[in-house]
Amino acid sequence: MTTQNTIDSSWTAFIETLSDEFTEKTGFGVYAHITPIDINNAYEQYQQHNAPMRLFARQYVRHHG
């Protein structure tokens, strides 16, 4: 697997995880709450932290949801 494929897989998993958390909390997916630019910024924040993706997403939604 190339580095680009790994990044793409991680990006896709991140969006799905974030959307799952928003849906669980509010009944609506990620795009109903934040913009694609916000999602990109959240992904960059996630990459800076050393937390599991699900935990990061849960904390992000709690703060922004």
N, C-alpha and C. Protein backbone atom coordinates (compact mmCIF):
# COMPACT_ATOMS: atom_id res chain seq x y z
N MET A 1 0.86 -1.18 0.00
CA MET A 1 0.00 0.00 0.00
C MET A 1 0.89 1.23 0.00
N THR A 2 0.58 2.18 -0.84
CA THR A 2 1.37 3.39 -0.91
C THR A 2 0.99 4.35 0.21
N THR A 3 1.84 5.34 0.40
CA THR A 3 1.56 6.34 1.42
C THR A 3 0.26 7.08 1.12
N GLN A 4 0.01 7.40 -0.14
CA GLN A 4 -1.22 8.10 -0.52
C GLN A 4 -2.45 7.26 -0.18
N ASN A 5 -2.38 5.95 -0.44
CA ASN A 5 -3.51 5.08 -0.10
C ASN A 5 -3.73 5.03 1.39
N THR A 6 -2.65 5.04 2.17
CA THR A 6 -2.77 5.04 3.62
C THR A 6 -3.42 6.33 4.10
N ILE A 7 -3.01 7.46 3.54
CA ILE A 7 -3.61 8.74 3.90
C ILE A 7 -5.08 8.76 3.52
N ASP A 8 -5.40 8.29 2.31
CA ASP A 8 -6.79 8.25 1.86
C ASP A 8 -7.63 7.37 2.77
N SER A 9 -7.12 6.23 3.16
CA SER A 9 -7.85 5.32 4.05
C SER A 9 -8.07 5.96 5.41
N SER A 10 -7.05 6.61 5.93
CA SER A 10 -7.15 7.27 7.22
C SER A 10 -8.15 8.43 7.16
N TRP A 11 -8.10 9.20 6.07
CA TRP A 11 -9.02 10.33 5.88
C TRP A 11 -10.47 9.84 5.82
N THR A 12 -10.70 8.79 5.05
CA THR A 12 -12.04 8.21 4.92
C THR A 12 -12.53 7.69 6.25
N ALA A 13 -11.69 6.96 6.96
CA ALA A 13 -12.07 6.43 8.27
C ALA A 13 -12.37 7.56 9.24
N PHE A 14 -11.60 8.64 9.16
CA PHE A 14 -11.82 9.78 10.05
C PHE A 14 -13.19 10.41 9.81
N ILE A 15 -13.52 10.66 8.55
CA ILE A 15 -14.82 11.25 8.22
C ILE A 15 -15.95 10.34 8.67
N GLU A 16 -15.82 9.05 8.44
CA GLU A 16 -16.86 8.11 8.86
C GLU A 16 -17.00 8.09 10.38
N THR A 17 -15.89 8.10 11.08
CA THR A 17 -15.92 8.09 12.54
C THR A 17 -16.54 9.37 13.07
N LEU A 18 -16.14 10.49 12.53
CA LEU A 18 -16.69 11.78 12.96
C LEU A 18 -18.19 11.84 12.66
N SER A 19 -18.58 11.37 11.50
CA SER A 19 -20.00 11.37 11.13
C SER A 19 -20.80 10.45 12.06
N ASP A 20 -20.24 9.29 12.37
CA ASP A 20 -20.91 8.37 13.30
C ASP A 20 -21.15 9.03 14.65
N GLU A 21 -20.15 9.75 15.13
CA GLU A 21 -20.29 10.41 16.44
C GLU A 21 -21.34 11.51 16.40
N PHE A 22 -21.33 12.32 15.33
CA PHE A 22 -22.36 13.36 15.20
C PHE A 22 -23.74 12.74 15.09
N THR A 23 -23.87 11.67 14.31
CA THR A 23 -25.16 11.02 14.12
C THR A 23 -25.67 10.44 15.44
N GLU A 24 -24.76 9.82 16.19
CA GLU A 24 -25.16 9.24 17.48
C GLU A 24 -25.64 10.32 18.44
N LYS A 25 -24.98 11.47 18.44
CA LYS A 25 -25.33 12.52 19.39
C LYS A 25 -26.53 13.35 18.94
N THR A 26 -26.63 13.63 17.62
CA THR A 26 -27.63 14.59 17.16
C THR A 26 -28.66 14.03 16.19
N GLY A 27 -28.36 12.87 15.61
CA GLY A 27 -29.25 12.32 14.60
C GLY A 27 -28.90 12.75 13.19
N PHE A 28 -27.88 13.61 13.05
CA PHE A 28 -27.45 14.10 11.74
C PHE A 28 -25.95 13.92 11.60
N GLY A 29 -25.50 13.65 10.38
CA GLY A 29 -24.09 13.41 10.11
C GLY A 29 -23.23 14.67 10.18
N VAL A 30 -21.97 14.47 9.94
CA VAL A 30 -20.97 15.52 10.10
C VAL A 30 -21.24 16.74 9.24
N TYR A 31 -21.68 16.54 7.99
CA TYR A 31 -21.86 17.67 7.08
C TYR A 31 -23.04 18.55 7.46
N ALA A 32 -23.90 18.11 8.33
CA ALA A 32 -24.99 18.94 8.82
C ALA A 32 -24.51 19.92 9.89
N HIS A 33 -23.31 19.69 10.41
CA HIS A 33 -22.81 20.48 11.53
C HIS A 33 -21.59 21.34 11.22
N ILE A 34 -20.69 20.82 10.41
CA ILE A 34 -19.46 21.56 10.14
C ILE A 34 -19.13 21.49 8.64
N THR A 35 -18.33 22.43 8.20
CA THR A 35 -17.97 22.53 6.78
C THR A 35 -16.83 21.58 6.44
N PRO A 36 -16.63 21.31 5.15
CA PRO A 36 -15.48 20.49 4.76
C PRO A 36 -14.14 21.08 5.23
N ILE A 37 -14.04 22.40 5.28
CA ILE A 37 -12.81 23.02 5.79
C ILE A 37 -12.63 22.69 7.27
N ASP A 38 -13.73 22.74 8.03
CA ASP A 38 -13.67 22.37 9.45
C ASP A 38 -13.25 20.92 9.63
N ILE A 39 -13.76 20.05 8.75
CA ILE A 39 -13.39 18.63 8.81
C ILE A 39 -11.90 18.48 8.55
N ASN A 40 -11.39 19.19 7.56
CA ASN A 40 -9.96 19.13 7.27
C ASN A 40 -9.14 19.62 8.46
N ASN A 41 -9.58 20.71 9.08
CA ASN A 41 -8.89 21.22 10.27
C ASN A 41 -8.94 20.22 11.41
N ALA A 42 -10.08 19.57 11.58
CA ALA A 42 -10.21 18.55 12.63
C ALA A 42 -9.28 17.37 12.35
N TYR A 43 -9.16 16.99 11.08
CA TYR A 43 -8.27 15.89 10.71
C TYR A 43 -6.82 16.25 11.01
N GLU A 44 -6.44 17.48 10.72
CA GLU A 44 -5.09 17.93 11.03
C GLU A 44 -4.84 17.93 12.54
N GLN A 45 -5.85 18.34 13.31
CA GLN A 45 -5.75 18.29 14.78
C GLN A 45 -5.59 16.85 15.25
N TYR A 46 -6.39 15.96 14.68
CA TYR A 46 -6.31 14.54 15.03
C TYR A 46 -4.91 14.00 14.79
N GLN A 47 -4.31 14.36 13.66
CA GLN A 47 -2.98 13.87 13.34
C GLN A 47 -1.93 14.39 14.32
N GLN A 48 -2.19 15.55 14.94
CA GLN A 48 -1.25 16.12 15.91
C GLN A 48 -1.35 15.45 17.28
N HIS A 49 -2.50 14.86 17.56
CA HIS A 49 -2.72 14.23 18.87
C HIS A 49 -2.36 12.76 18.82
N ASN A 50 -2.12 12.24 19.96
CA ASN A 50 -1.76 10.83 20.06
C ASN A 50 -2.91 10.05 20.68
N ALA A 51 -4.12 10.35 20.24
CA ALA A 51 -5.32 9.70 20.79
C ALA A 51 -5.93 8.81 19.71
N PRO A 52 -6.61 7.76 20.12
CA PRO A 52 -7.33 6.93 19.14
C PRO A 52 -8.38 7.78 18.40
N MET A 53 -8.64 7.42 17.16
CA MET A 53 -9.55 8.18 16.31
C MET A 53 -10.93 8.33 16.94
N ARG A 54 -11.49 7.26 17.47
CA ARG A 54 -12.84 7.30 18.06
C ARG A 54 -12.87 8.26 19.24
N LEU A 55 -11.86 8.21 20.09
CA LEU A 55 -11.81 9.10 21.25
C LEU A 55 -11.70 10.55 20.81
N PHE A 56 -10.83 10.83 19.84
CA PHE A 56 -10.70 12.18 19.34
C PHE A 56 -12.04 12.68 18.77
N ALA A 57 -12.69 11.85 17.97
CA ALA A 57 -13.97 12.22 17.35
C ALA A 57 -15.03 12.49 18.42
N ARG A 58 -15.08 11.66 19.43
CA ARG A 58 -16.06 11.84 20.50
C ARG A 58 -15.84 13.17 21.22
N GLN A 59 -14.59 13.48 21.51
CA GLN A 59 -14.29 14.75 22.18
C GLN A 59 -14.58 15.94 21.27
N TYR A 60 -14.27 15.79 20.00
CA TYR A 60 -14.53 16.86 19.04
C TYR A 60 -16.02 17.14 18.95
N VAL A 61 -16.82 16.11 18.84
CA VAL A 61 -18.28 16.28 18.75
C VAL A 61 -18.83 16.86 20.03
N ARG A 62 -18.33 16.44 21.16
CA ARG A 62 -18.81 16.97 22.43
C ARG A 62 -18.56 18.47 22.49
N HIS A 63 -17.42 18.92 21.97
CA HIS A 63 -17.08 20.33 21.99
C HIS A 63 -17.82 21.13 20.91
N HIS A 64 -18.04 20.52 19.74
CA HIS A 64 -18.62 21.25 18.61
C HIS A 64 -20.09 20.89 18.32
N GLY A 65 -20.59 19.85 18.95
CA GLY A 65 -21.92 19.39 18.63
C GLY A 65 -22.99 20.12 19.21
